[in-house]
Amino acid sequence: MVQQSNQLDRAKFCCSVCSDLLKNPVTIPCGHSYCMNCIQSYWDTEDEKKTHSCPQCRQSFTPRPVLVTSTMLADLVEELKKTGLQAAPADHCYAGHKDVACDVCTGRKLRAVKSCLVCLVSFCEKHLQPHFEIPAYEKHKLVEPSEKLQENICSRHDEVMKMFCRTDQQCICYLCSVDEHKGHDTVSAAAERTERQRELEGSRHNIQQRIQDREEDVKLLQQEVEAINGSADKAVEHSEKIFTQLIRLMEERRSDVKQQVRSQQETEVSRVKELQEKLEQEITELKRKDAELKKLSHTEDHNQFLHNYPSLSALSESTHSSSINIRPLKYFKDVTAAVSELRDKLQDVLRETWTNISLTVTQVDVLLSQPENMTRAGFLRYSREITLDPNTAYTQLLLSEENRKVAYISQQRSYSSHPDRFTYWSQVLSRESLTGRCYWEVEWRGRGVLVAVAYKNISRAGNESFFGQNDKSWSLKCYNHSYNCYHNNVQTPVSGPRSSRVGVYLDHSAGILSFYSVSETMTLLHRVQTTFTQPLYAGVLVYSDSTAEFSKVK
């Protein structure tokens, strides 16, 4: 009887969060009491909701209550300790609000240590013992405690779901496989788990490789920051020494040069650091993703694994895929040379030389990638898969290969009427809009093609809709063993090795568009430097007896 009373008292003076005797007890407005550290930690997790609740009765409080130690309750706990009331021993650890409770315990439940996928019950250490002692339980599958065991039961047949339907991508029971899933591609959940586990490991390998690549990029960017800072510091130092030799008239110019150098230094360092921060954020996100996949890979419950796999396995595209090719720059050395020239020529050439100084400072530009110097492997980091939009295709163009290939045919196709369709020239545009950095390749055969980019609002009818004969498109004509580039009705002859494959590189924000002849090597045919005001679309014009295919570059 004394023992029963002792157990009752222990339960009354235990914190429902940590399941231990109250430490520094506080009472919140609803009347329930907790350890101060426990309720503070619990409310810390709710701060984003801007409301705080009681873990037991769920009553909400706004604003967050101020906690004060309950002196009377603290003294009472201390007195009870002296009379023999102690914290519950480890082998009688009660389940807290974040724990899985034992399904067999009556009254106040103990914390479960395992869940059985056969019994679909969670057991504390005491009630788990029959699984180790009784031979009939030997084949039962024990896993870490789980509150979602009922998700393993088929709601229709009340059977354990031990199979997986690949057709419908869901876990099913045996009766489902011979009923509504009859004829579907079904395997055991264990077999599907093995298959997905291999895919998971492949995803983790890709993530780890990307982490390694991004860490190398971050190192290169850090070196670039140091080089910019070092060169800028030297430029300022030398400029200061030179300007001190000049007369008072040059004092204002010295201040201007210093200000411009620092301003440009700040601009360039800011650009590099911005990219560096993005890469570090991507590294952090990739590591988080890797940790989630690692945790998922160790999930013993097949159904839980398959339930969570689709949402975790998808690997987002890189938010900032960069090729860091640092070129050797003189940075601000030209500034020093210009200032030295000003010292020598003095006042007679002040205006001309000052213009030179100002221009030289602003022309210091850190290019994190240079298209002309990139290898094909470098370009492929920006590769985009292009598909053609049938709604834009001229009626004598036949699309195939999942809308990546286009051929000119003699008969007109029965395309539906569409406002986006080209009606005068045998042209077609891509489905995908192109911004940022993109690279794609076009393999062509026959008499000739035009490889182009254009704004969405390019004309669809009349001679002015021809790629390159307006200010909304740029094109490279590959015809009769020669190349010509067109823009705004201006033709530019281009020389270079003839190839059946053309590479196109676009840096939309930098206003760079480059066409390449691609064979064993890449040869720059033509480069455009402009300002793009809208997203671009890849396009191609196909002459009679010719085909063009947007390659799946890897």
Protein backbone atom coordinates (compact mmCIF):
# COMPACT_ATOMS: atom_id res chain seq x y z
CA MET A 1 0.00 0.00 0.00
CA VAL A 2 2.93 2.33 0.88
CA GLN A 3 4.58 1.46 -2.41
CA GLN A 4 1.37 2.30 -4.32
CA SER A 5 1.14 5.66 -2.54
CA ASN A 6 4.76 6.37 -3.35
CA GLN A 7 4.14 5.68 -7.04
CA LEU A 8 1.09 7.96 -6.98
CA ASP A 9 3.06 10.77 -5.41
CA ARG A 10 5.88 10.36 -7.94
CA ALA A 11 3.40 10.72 -10.82
CA LYS A 12 1.93 13.90 -9.32
CA PHE A 13 5.30 15.62 -9.06
CA CYS A 14 6.74 14.59 -12.43
CA CYS A 15 7.13 16.94 -15.40
CA SER A 16 5.09 15.64 -18.36
CA VAL A 17 7.76 16.88 -20.78
CA CYS A 18 10.87 15.17 -19.38
CA SER A 19 8.99 12.49 -17.32
CA ASP A 20 11.27 13.23 -14.36
CA LEU A 21 10.75 14.92 -10.99
CA LEU A 22 10.12 18.66 -11.30
CA LYS A 23 13.27 20.79 -11.29
CA ASN A 24 12.89 24.51 -10.61
CA PRO A 25 9.08 24.08 -11.04
CA VAL A 26 6.89 26.76 -12.62
CA THR A 27 3.12 26.90 -13.00
CA ILE A 28 1.70 28.35 -16.23
CA PRO A 29 -1.68 30.22 -16.48
CA CYS A 30 -3.74 27.08 -17.16
CA GLY A 31 -2.57 25.57 -13.85
CA HIS A 32 -0.20 22.84 -15.10
CA SER A 33 3.35 22.73 -13.77
CA TYR A 34 6.64 21.96 -15.53
CA CYS A 35 10.39 22.19 -15.10
CA MET A 36 11.33 25.74 -16.08
CA ASN A 37 13.89 24.56 -18.65
CA CYS A 38 11.44 22.06 -20.15
CA ILE A 39 8.59 24.52 -20.76
CA GLN A 40 11.00 27.21 -21.99
CA SER A 41 12.51 24.79 -24.52
CA TYR A 42 9.02 23.69 -25.57
CA TRP A 43 7.89 27.27 -26.14
CA ASP A 44 11.11 28.12 -28.00
CA THR A 45 9.98 25.72 -30.73
CA GLU A 46 6.65 27.59 -30.98
CA ASP A 47 8.10 31.11 -31.25
CA GLU A 48 7.49 31.29 -35.00
CA LYS A 49 3.76 30.69 -34.44
CA LYS A 50 3.63 33.77 -32.16
CA THR A 51 1.42 31.79 -29.77
CA HIS A 52 2.39 29.39 -26.97
CA SER A 53 0.41 26.43 -25.63
CA CYS A 54 0.33 23.99 -22.75
CA PRO A 55 1.79 20.56 -23.71
CA GLN A 56 -1.02 18.83 -21.75
CA CYS A 57 -4.28 20.75 -22.24
CA ARG A 58 -3.17 22.70 -25.37
CA GLN A 59 -4.56 26.01 -24.04
CA SER A 60 -2.92 28.91 -25.92
CA PHE A 61 -1.33 32.01 -24.45
CA THR A 62 -0.52 35.31 -26.15
CA PRO A 63 1.89 36.87 -25.44
CA ARG A 64 4.37 34.32 -24.10
CA PRO A 65 3.85 34.07 -20.31
CA VAL A 66 6.61 35.22 -17.98
CA LEU A 67 7.80 32.27 -15.89
CA VAL A 68 8.47 32.53 -12.16
CA THR A 69 9.61 29.67 -9.94
CA SER A 70 6.81 28.22 -7.82
CA THR A 71 8.50 28.44 -4.41
CA MET A 72 5.88 26.39 -2.57
CA LEU A 73 5.96 23.58 -5.16
CA ALA A 74 9.76 23.58 -5.18
CA ASP A 75 9.89 23.28 -1.39
CA LEU A 76 7.30 20.50 -1.46
CA VAL A 77 9.31 18.49 -4.01
CA GLU A 78 12.45 18.88 -1.89
CA GLU A 79 10.60 17.72 1.25
CA LEU A 80 9.19 14.71 -0.56
CA LYS A 81 12.68 13.81 -1.80
CA LYS A 82 13.87 13.68 1.78
CA THR A 83 11.11 11.23 2.63
CA GLY A 84 12.16 8.83 -0.11
CA LEU A 85 10.50 10.15 -3.26
CA GLN A 86 13.09 9.97 -6.07
CA ALA A 87 13.10 10.26 -9.84
CA ALA A 88 11.77 7.26 -11.70
CA PRO A 89 14.53 4.73 -12.38
CA ALA A 90 15.75 4.37 -15.96
CA ASP A 91 13.97 1.05 -16.45
CA HIS A 92 10.64 2.74 -15.64
CA CYS A 93 10.93 5.76 -17.91
CA TYR A 94 7.53 7.18 -18.68
CA ALA A 95 6.63 8.33 -22.17
CA GLY A 96 6.85 12.07 -22.72
CA HIS A 97 4.84 14.08 -25.25
CA LYS A 98 7.48 13.45 -27.94
CA ASP A 99 7.91 9.75 -27.17
CA VAL A 100 6.15 6.67 -28.57
CA ALA A 101 4.19 5.09 -25.73
CA CYS A 102 3.95 1.36 -25.05
CA ASP A 103 0.63 0.02 -26.38
CA VAL A 104 0.48 -2.75 -23.74
CA CYS A 105 0.97 -0.64 -20.60
CA THR A 106 -2.15 0.31 -18.66
CA GLY A 107 -2.47 3.51 -16.70
CA ARG A 108 0.52 5.80 -17.18
CA LYS A 109 2.39 4.33 -20.14
CA LEU A 110 6.13 3.70 -20.32
CA ARG A 111 8.29 4.77 -23.25
CA ALA A 112 8.38 2.22 -26.08
CA VAL A 113 11.80 0.86 -27.07
CA LYS A 114 10.73 -1.10 -30.18
CA SER A 115 7.79 -1.45 -32.57
CA CYS A 116 6.86 -4.76 -34.20
CA LEU A 117 5.89 -4.66 -37.90
CA VAL A 118 4.10 -8.00 -37.54
CA CYS A 119 2.14 -7.31 -34.34
CA LEU A 120 1.79 -3.63 -35.30
CA VAL A 121 2.30 -2.78 -31.65
CA SER A 122 4.92 -0.72 -29.80
CA PHE A 123 6.46 -2.26 -26.66
CA CYS A 124 8.32 -0.96 -23.62
CA GLU A 125 11.34 -2.94 -22.47
CA LYS A 126 9.28 -5.09 -20.13
CA HIS A 127 6.55 -6.02 -22.60
CA LEU A 128 9.08 -6.61 -25.37
CA GLN A 129 10.68 -9.54 -23.57
CA PRO A 130 8.33 -12.24 -25.02
CA HIS A 131 9.68 -11.39 -28.50
CA PHE A 132 13.10 -12.55 -27.32
CA GLU A 133 11.95 -15.49 -25.20
CA ILE A 134 9.12 -17.13 -27.19
CA PRO A 135 10.17 -18.97 -30.42
CA ALA A 136 6.93 -18.01 -32.22
CA TYR A 137 8.09 -14.37 -32.23
CA GLU A 138 11.53 -15.07 -33.72
CA LYS A 139 10.55 -14.02 -37.27
CA HIS A 140 8.84 -10.82 -36.18
CA LYS A 141 10.45 -7.63 -37.52
CA LEU A 142 11.41 -5.18 -34.75
CA VAL A 143 12.19 -1.56 -35.65
CA GLU A 144 12.71 1.72 -33.82
CA PRO A 145 9.54 2.98 -32.08
CA SER A 146 7.04 4.41 -34.57
CA GLU A 147 3.70 6.17 -34.15
CA LYS A 148 2.74 5.40 -37.76
CA LEU A 149 2.31 1.64 -37.59
CA GLN A 150 -1.30 1.85 -38.75
CA GLU A 151 -0.08 3.27 -42.04
CA ASN A 152 1.19 -0.26 -42.76
CA ILE A 153 -2.38 -1.60 -42.71
CA CYS A 154 -4.49 -1.63 -45.88
CA SER A 155 -7.59 0.46 -45.14
CA ARG A 156 -9.68 -1.66 -47.52
CA HIS A 157 -8.69 -5.20 -46.56
CA ASP A 158 -7.27 -4.63 -43.06
CA GLU A 159 -4.14 -6.55 -44.08
CA VAL A 160 -0.46 -5.66 -43.68
CA MET A 161 0.81 -3.98 -46.85
CA LYS A 162 3.85 -6.07 -47.81
CA MET A 163 3.77 -5.37 -51.56
CA PHE A 164 4.40 -2.36 -53.78
CA CYS A 165 2.56 -1.46 -56.99
CA ARG A 166 5.00 0.15 -59.41
CA THR A 167 2.16 1.02 -61.77
CA ASP A 168 0.39 3.20 -59.19
CA GLN A 169 3.49 3.89 -57.05
CA GLN A 170 1.91 2.85 -53.74
CA CYS A 171 2.15 0.18 -51.04
CA ILE A 172 -0.55 -2.49 -51.20
CA CYS A 173 -1.52 -5.75 -49.49
CA TYR A 174 -1.70 -9.16 -51.15
CA LEU A 175 -5.48 -8.91 -51.63
CA CYS A 176 -5.03 -5.58 -53.45
CA SER A 177 -2.62 -7.26 -55.88
CA VAL A 178 -5.32 -9.73 -56.98
CA ASP A 179 -8.13 -7.20 -56.81
CA GLU A 180 -7.98 -3.57 -57.99
CA HIS A 181 -4.24 -3.83 -58.81
CA LYS A 182 -4.60 -7.04 -60.81
CA GLY A 183 -2.33 -7.03 -63.85
CA HIS A 184 -0.19 -4.19 -62.48
CA ASP A 185 3.57 -4.37 -62.06
CA THR A 186 3.83 -5.45 -58.40
CA VAL A 187 6.81 -6.53 -56.30
CA SER A 188 7.48 -7.05 -52.62
CA ALA A 189 8.01 -3.93 -50.55
CA ALA A 190 11.44 -5.27 -49.63
CA ALA A 191 12.44 -5.63 -53.31
CA GLU A 192 11.23 -2.11 -54.13
CA ARG A 193 13.09 -0.80 -51.07
CA THR A 194 16.30 -2.41 -52.38
CA GLU A 195 15.81 -0.76 -55.77
CA ARG A 196 15.08 2.65 -54.26
CA GLN A 197 18.00 2.26 -51.88
CA ARG A 198 20.33 1.97 -54.88
CA GLU A 199 18.79 5.11 -56.35
CA LEU A 200 19.20 6.87 -53.02
CA GLU A 201 22.88 6.00 -52.88
CA GLY A 202 23.27 7.37 -56.41
CA SER A 203 21.57 10.62 -55.33
CA ARG A 204 23.85 10.88 -52.33
CA HIS A 205 26.88 10.36 -54.55
CA ASN A 206 25.71 13.17 -56.84
CA ILE A 207 25.11 15.46 -53.87
CA GLN A 208 28.52 14.73 -52.41
CA GLN A 209 30.15 15.41 -55.79
CA ARG A 210 28.30 18.69 -56.07
CA ILE A 211 29.37 19.62 -52.54
CA GLN A 212 32.97 18.92 -53.51
CA ASP A 213 32.63 20.98 -56.70
CA ARG A 214 31.04 23.90 -54.86
CA GLU A 215 33.69 23.84 -52.14
CA GLU A 216 36.38 24.06 -54.83
CA ASP A 217 34.49 26.96 -56.42
CA VAL A 218 34.32 28.72 -53.06
CA LYS A 219 38.10 28.36 -52.65
CA LEU A 220 38.68 29.87 -56.09
CA LEU A 221 36.35 32.74 -55.31
CA GLN A 222 38.13 33.41 -52.04
CA GLN A 223 41.42 33.57 -53.93
CA GLU A 224 39.80 36.01 -56.35
CA VAL A 225 38.67 38.24 -53.48
CA GLU A 226 42.20 38.26 -52.07
CA ALA A 227 43.67 39.06 -55.49
CA ILE A 228 41.23 41.92 -56.07
CA ASN A 229 41.87 43.36 -52.62
CA GLY A 230 45.65 43.02 -52.99
CA SER A 231 45.71 44.64 -56.42
CA ALA A 232 43.38 47.42 -55.33
CA ASP A 233 45.50 48.12 -52.25
CA LYS A 234 48.64 48.34 -54.36
CA ALA A 235 46.93 50.62 -56.87
CA VAL A 236 45.85 52.98 -54.09
CA GLU A 237 49.29 52.90 -52.50
CA HIS A 238 51.13 53.72 -55.75
CA SER A 239 48.59 56.34 -56.74
CA GLU A 240 49.07 58.05 -53.37
CA LYS A 241 52.84 58.16 -53.81
CA ILE A 242 52.55 59.65 -57.31
CA PHE A 243 49.91 62.21 -56.41
CA THR A 244 51.97 63.57 -53.50
CA GLN A 245 54.48 64.79 -56.12
CA LEU A 246 51.88 66.84 -57.95
CA ILE A 247 50.88 70.42 -57.30
CA ARG A 248 47.85 71.48 -55.36
CA LEU A 249 45.76 71.46 -58.56
CA MET A 250 45.96 67.64 -58.60
CA GLU A 251 44.62 67.19 -55.06
CA GLU A 252 41.02 66.95 -56.19
CA ARG A 253 41.90 64.40 -58.87
CA ARG A 254 43.77 62.26 -56.37
CA SER A 255 40.67 62.08 -54.18
CA ASP A 256 38.51 61.18 -57.18
CA VAL A 257 40.81 58.35 -58.27
CA LYS A 258 40.90 56.92 -54.77
CA GLN A 259 37.14 57.05 -54.53
CA GLN A 260 36.64 55.35 -57.90
CA VAL A 261 39.13 52.59 -57.16
CA ARG A 262 37.51 51.86 -53.80
CA SER A 263 34.05 52.01 -55.28
CA GLN A 264 34.97 49.60 -58.08
CA GLN A 265 36.81 47.39 -55.61
CA GLU A 266 33.70 47.23 -53.45
CA THR A 267 31.52 46.50 -56.46
CA GLU A 268 33.72 43.63 -57.70
CA VAL A 269 34.27 42.14 -54.25
CA SER A 270 30.54 42.39 -53.61
CA ARG A 271 29.82 40.48 -56.84
CA VAL A 272 32.24 37.71 -55.96
CA LYS A 273 31.09 37.49 -52.33
CA GLU A 274 27.48 37.36 -53.40
CA LEU A 275 28.21 34.33 -55.56
CA GLN A 276 30.36 32.89 -52.80
CA GLU A 277 27.48 33.20 -50.32
CA LYS A 278 25.09 31.54 -52.76
CA LEU A 279 27.48 28.64 -53.24
CA GLU A 280 27.93 28.28 -49.48
CA GLN A 281 24.15 28.30 -49.07
CA GLU A 282 23.89 25.59 -51.72
CA ILE A 283 26.56 23.57 -49.93
CA THR A 284 24.60 23.88 -46.68
CA GLU A 285 21.37 22.84 -48.42
CA LEU A 286 23.09 19.91 -50.15
CA LYS A 287 24.54 18.75 -46.82
CA ARG A 288 21.10 19.00 -45.25
CA LYS A 289 19.64 17.04 -48.15
CA ASP A 290 22.40 14.44 -47.81
CA ALA A 291 21.67 14.12 -44.09
CA GLU A 292 17.97 13.59 -44.81
CA LEU A 293 18.74 10.94 -47.41
CA LYS A 294 21.22 9.27 -45.06
CA LYS A 295 18.58 9.17 -42.33
CA LEU A 296 16.04 7.81 -44.80
CA SER A 297 18.51 5.16 -45.99
CA HIS A 298 18.65 3.75 -42.45
CA THR A 299 14.87 3.56 -42.06
CA GLU A 300 14.07 -0.06 -41.35
CA ASP A 301 10.36 0.20 -42.09
CA HIS A 302 10.01 -0.40 -45.86
CA ASN A 303 6.67 1.32 -46.05
CA GLN A 304 7.90 4.39 -44.22
CA PHE A 305 10.90 4.47 -46.53
CA LEU A 306 8.72 4.24 -49.64
CA HIS A 307 6.25 6.78 -48.24
CA ASN A 308 8.96 9.39 -47.62
CA TYR A 309 11.25 8.57 -50.54
CA PRO A 310 9.52 10.54 -53.34
CA SER A 311 9.56 13.81 -51.38
CA LEU A 312 13.21 13.43 -50.36
CA SER A 313 14.77 11.86 -53.45
CA ALA A 314 14.07 14.73 -55.84
CA LEU A 315 17.25 16.69 -56.34
CA SER A 316 16.64 20.33 -57.21
CA GLU A 317 18.58 21.94 -59.95
CA SER A 318 21.50 23.87 -58.94
CA THR A 319 20.42 27.42 -58.03
CA HIS A 320 23.72 28.91 -59.23
CA SER A 321 25.67 26.56 -61.48
CA SER A 322 28.95 28.43 -62.09
CA SER A 323 32.16 27.70 -63.89
CA ILE A 324 34.93 29.42 -62.02
CA ASN A 325 37.75 30.05 -64.48
CA ILE A 326 39.84 32.78 -62.98
CA ARG A 327 41.74 34.70 -65.62
CA PRO A 328 45.02 36.47 -64.87
CA LEU A 329 44.04 40.16 -64.65
CA LYS A 330 46.13 43.23 -63.99
CA TYR A 331 43.20 44.57 -62.01
CA PHE A 332 44.09 48.14 -61.03
CA LYS A 333 47.63 48.24 -62.43
CA ASP A 334 46.39 50.18 -65.45
CA VAL A 335 45.22 52.84 -63.01
CA THR A 336 48.76 53.25 -61.72
CA ALA A 337 50.11 53.55 -65.25
CA ALA A 338 47.55 56.16 -66.12
CA VAL A 339 48.37 58.17 -63.00
CA SER A 340 52.08 57.97 -63.80
CA GLU A 341 51.35 59.31 -67.28
CA LEU A 342 49.40 62.16 -65.72
CA ARG A 343 52.38 63.03 -63.51
CA ASP A 344 54.62 63.24 -66.59
CA LYS A 345 52.31 65.27 -68.78
CA LEU A 346 51.01 67.58 -66.02
CA GLN A 347 48.38 70.21 -66.59
CA ASP A 348 48.47 70.44 -70.41
CA VAL A 349 47.06 66.93 -70.79
CA LEU A 350 45.05 66.86 -67.56
CA ARG A 351 41.62 66.58 -69.12
CA GLU A 352 42.53 63.83 -71.59
CA THR A 353 44.49 61.80 -69.07
CA TRP A 354 41.84 62.17 -66.38
CA THR A 355 39.29 60.65 -68.74
CA ASN A 356 41.68 57.78 -69.31
CA ILE A 357 42.04 57.21 -65.56
CA SER A 358 38.32 57.22 -64.95
CA LEU A 359 37.66 54.77 -67.78
CA THR A 360 40.47 52.45 -66.69
CA VAL A 361 39.09 52.16 -63.15
CA THR A 362 35.56 51.33 -64.28
CA GLN A 363 36.81 48.76 -66.79
CA VAL A 364 38.21 46.55 -64.04
CA ASP A 365 35.78 43.66 -64.28
CA VAL A 366 35.95 40.24 -62.67
CA LEU A 367 34.55 37.76 -65.20
CA LEU A 368 33.86 34.55 -63.35
CA SER A 369 33.69 32.65 -66.61
CA GLN A 370 34.94 33.51 -70.09
CA PRO A 371 33.04 31.77 -72.90
CA GLU A 372 35.87 32.13 -75.40
CA ASN A 373 38.28 30.25 -73.13
CA MET A 374 35.95 27.51 -71.89
CA THR A 375 36.34 23.93 -72.99
CA ARG A 376 33.30 21.97 -74.20
CA ALA A 377 33.16 20.33 -70.76
CA GLY A 378 32.88 23.81 -69.28
CA PHE A 379 30.00 24.69 -71.58
CA LEU A 380 28.22 21.46 -70.77
CA ARG A 381 27.87 22.61 -67.16
CA TYR A 382 25.26 25.03 -68.50
CA SER A 383 23.59 22.57 -70.89
CA ARG A 384 19.83 22.90 -71.36
CA GLU A 385 17.60 20.28 -72.94
CA ILE A 386 15.58 22.02 -75.67
CA THR A 387 12.21 20.78 -76.94
CA LEU A 388 10.32 22.40 -79.80
CA ASP A 389 6.84 23.88 -79.47
CA PRO A 390 4.46 22.33 -82.07
CA ASN A 391 2.21 25.39 -81.74
CA THR A 392 4.94 27.52 -83.35
CA ALA A 393 5.96 25.10 -86.13
CA TYR A 394 5.45 26.04 -89.80
CA THR A 395 2.94 23.70 -91.46
CA GLN A 396 5.60 21.93 -93.58
CA LEU A 397 7.77 21.03 -90.59
CA LEU A 398 7.61 17.54 -89.07
CA LEU A 399 8.60 17.22 -85.40
CA SER A 400 9.92 13.93 -84.01
CA GLU A 401 12.25 12.48 -81.34
CA GLU A 402 10.08 13.87 -78.51
CA ASN A 403 9.91 17.23 -80.32
CA ARG A 404 13.70 17.64 -80.40
CA LYS A 405 14.08 16.97 -84.15
CA VAL A 406 12.53 18.90 -87.04
CA ALA A 407 12.49 18.11 -90.77
CA TYR A 408 11.18 19.99 -93.80
CA ILE A 409 8.62 17.92 -95.75
CA SER A 410 6.81 18.53 -99.04
CA GLN A 411 3.30 17.99 -97.67
CA GLN A 412 1.62 20.32 -95.24
CA ARG A 413 0.87 18.95 -91.80
CA SER A 414 -2.63 19.17 -90.36
CA TYR A 415 -1.61 21.47 -87.52
CA SER A 416 -4.39 23.32 -85.74
CA SER A 417 -4.65 27.06 -86.09
CA HIS A 418 -2.64 28.86 -83.42
CA PRO A 419 -1.59 32.51 -82.99
CA ASP A 420 2.01 31.44 -82.23
CA ARG A 421 2.46 29.50 -85.50
CA PHE A 422 4.93 30.78 -88.13
CA THR A 423 3.04 31.18 -91.41
CA TYR A 424 5.67 32.53 -93.82
CA TRP A 425 9.06 30.92 -93.05
CA SER A 426 9.76 27.28 -92.16
CA GLN A 427 10.66 28.12 -88.57
CA VAL A 428 9.91 26.82 -85.06
CA LEU A 429 10.64 28.02 -81.50
CA SER A 430 11.38 26.11 -78.30
CA ARG A 431 8.94 25.54 -75.47
CA GLU A 432 11.53 26.63 -72.91
CA SER A 433 12.31 30.27 -72.23
CA LEU A 434 16.02 30.93 -71.71
CA THR A 435 17.52 33.20 -69.08
CA GLY A 436 20.73 33.01 -67.07
CA ARG A 437 23.52 30.92 -68.57
CA CYS A 438 22.49 28.28 -71.10
CA TYR A 439 24.24 26.07 -73.66
CA TRP A 440 22.76 23.80 -76.32
CA GLU A 441 23.83 22.11 -79.55
CA VAL A 442 22.05 21.63 -82.89
CA GLU A 443 22.96 18.74 -85.22
CA TRP A 444 21.90 19.48 -88.80
CA ARG A 445 21.81 17.65 -92.14
CA GLY A 446 20.92 18.61 -95.72
CA ARG A 447 21.06 21.92 -97.60
CA GLY A 448 21.10 24.20 -94.62
CA VAL A 449 19.53 25.66 -91.47
CA LEU A 450 19.39 28.83 -89.39
CA VAL A 451 20.20 28.37 -85.71
CA ALA A 452 18.63 31.25 -83.79
CA VAL A 453 17.36 32.82 -80.60
CA ALA A 454 14.35 35.14 -80.50
CA TYR A 455 11.99 36.98 -78.20
CA LYS A 456 8.53 35.49 -77.75
CA ASN A 457 6.87 38.46 -79.45
CA ILE A 458 8.70 38.05 -82.78
CA SER A 459 6.38 38.45 -85.77
CA ARG A 460 4.85 35.18 -87.05
CA ALA A 461 3.92 36.34 -90.54
CA GLY A 462 5.56 38.13 -93.47
CA ASN A 463 9.16 38.51 -94.55
CA GLU A 464 10.01 40.37 -91.33
CA SER A 465 9.42 37.17 -89.31
CA PHE A 466 12.66 35.68 -90.72
CA PHE A 467 15.13 34.93 -87.91
CA GLY A 468 17.64 37.80 -87.92
CA GLN A 469 15.71 40.22 -90.15
CA ASN A 470 14.31 42.12 -87.15
CA ASP A 471 15.48 43.48 -83.80
CA LYS A 472 13.85 40.60 -81.91
CA SER A 473 16.08 37.75 -83.09
CA TRP A 474 19.69 36.71 -83.78
CA SER A 475 20.66 33.86 -86.10
CA LEU A 476 23.56 31.90 -87.63
CA LYS A 477 22.91 30.67 -91.18
CA CYS A 478 24.66 27.41 -92.11
CA TYR A 479 24.24 27.06 -95.88
CA ASN A 480 26.30 26.12 -98.96
CA HIS A 481 29.49 25.52 -96.97
CA SER A 482 29.43 29.02 -95.50
CA TYR A 483 28.27 30.89 -92.41
CA ASN A 484 26.45 34.21 -92.06
CA CYS A 485 25.03 35.91 -88.99
CA TYR A 486 21.91 38.09 -89.03
CA HIS A 487 20.36 40.63 -86.68
CA ASN A 488 18.03 43.54 -87.39
CA ASN A 489 18.31 42.84 -91.13
CA VAL A 490 22.12 43.22 -91.04
CA GLN A 491 24.18 40.35 -92.48
CA THR A 492 27.65 39.58 -91.09
CA PRO A 493 29.84 37.06 -93.00
CA VAL A 494 31.49 34.56 -90.64
CA SER A 495 34.51 32.34 -91.27
CA GLY A 496 35.27 29.10 -89.53
CA PRO A 497 35.51 25.33 -89.97
CA ARG A 498 32.34 23.77 -91.38
CA SER A 499 30.66 21.35 -89.02
CA SER A 500 27.31 19.59 -88.86
CA ARG A 501 27.02 20.56 -85.20
CA VAL A 502 26.55 24.11 -83.92
CA GLY A 503 26.92 25.07 -80.26
CA VAL A 504 25.10 28.07 -78.80
CA TYR A 505 26.10 29.75 -75.51
CA LEU A 506 23.86 32.37 -73.89
CA ASP A 507 24.62 34.50 -70.84
CA HIS A 508 21.39 36.45 -70.68
CA SER A 509 22.27 38.82 -67.83
CA ALA A 510 25.70 39.63 -69.33
CA GLY A 511 24.18 40.12 -72.81
CA ILE A 512 26.47 37.50 -74.41
CA LEU A 513 25.41 35.24 -77.29
CA SER A 514 28.04 33.04 -78.97
CA PHE A 515 27.85 30.55 -81.86
CA TYR A 516 30.42 27.74 -82.13
CA SER A 517 31.44 25.16 -84.71
CA VAL A 518 31.60 21.91 -82.76
CA SER A 519 33.68 18.93 -83.90
CA GLU A 520 36.65 17.47 -82.02
CA THR A 521 37.28 21.03 -80.87
CA MET A 522 35.11 24.13 -80.45
CA THR A 523 35.71 27.16 -82.67
CA LEU A 524 34.06 30.50 -81.98
CA LEU A 525 32.20 31.63 -85.11
CA HIS A 526 30.48 34.77 -83.92
CA ARG A 527 29.91 36.57 -80.61
CA VAL A 528 27.20 39.11 -79.84
CA GLN A 529 27.47 41.60 -76.97
CA THR A 530 24.18 43.40 -76.33
CA THR A 531 21.47 43.91 -73.72
CA PHE A 532 18.63 41.39 -73.71
CA THR A 533 15.36 42.92 -72.52
CA GLN A 534 13.18 39.77 -72.49
CA PRO A 535 13.60 36.02 -72.01
CA LEU A 536 14.85 34.33 -75.20
CA TYR A 537 13.66 31.18 -76.98
CA ALA A 538 15.81 28.83 -79.06
CA GLY A 539 14.74 28.60 -82.68
CA VAL A 540 15.65 26.98 -85.98
CA LEU A 541 14.74 27.56 -89.64
CA VAL A 542 14.99 24.44 -91.81
CA TYR A 543 15.45 24.65 -95.59
CA SER A 544 14.01 22.00 -97.93
CA ASP A 545 15.59 18.52 -97.77
CA SER A 546 17.13 19.40 -94.40
CA THR A 547 16.78 18.37 -90.75
CA ALA A 548 17.88 19.82 -87.43
CA GLU A 549 18.01 18.12 -84.03
CA PHE A 550 18.57 19.68 -80.61
CA SER A 551 21.02 17.21 -79.10
CA LYS A 552 20.84 15.74 -75.61
CA VAL A 553 24.23 17.03 -74.54
CA LYS A 554 25.87 15.51 -71.47
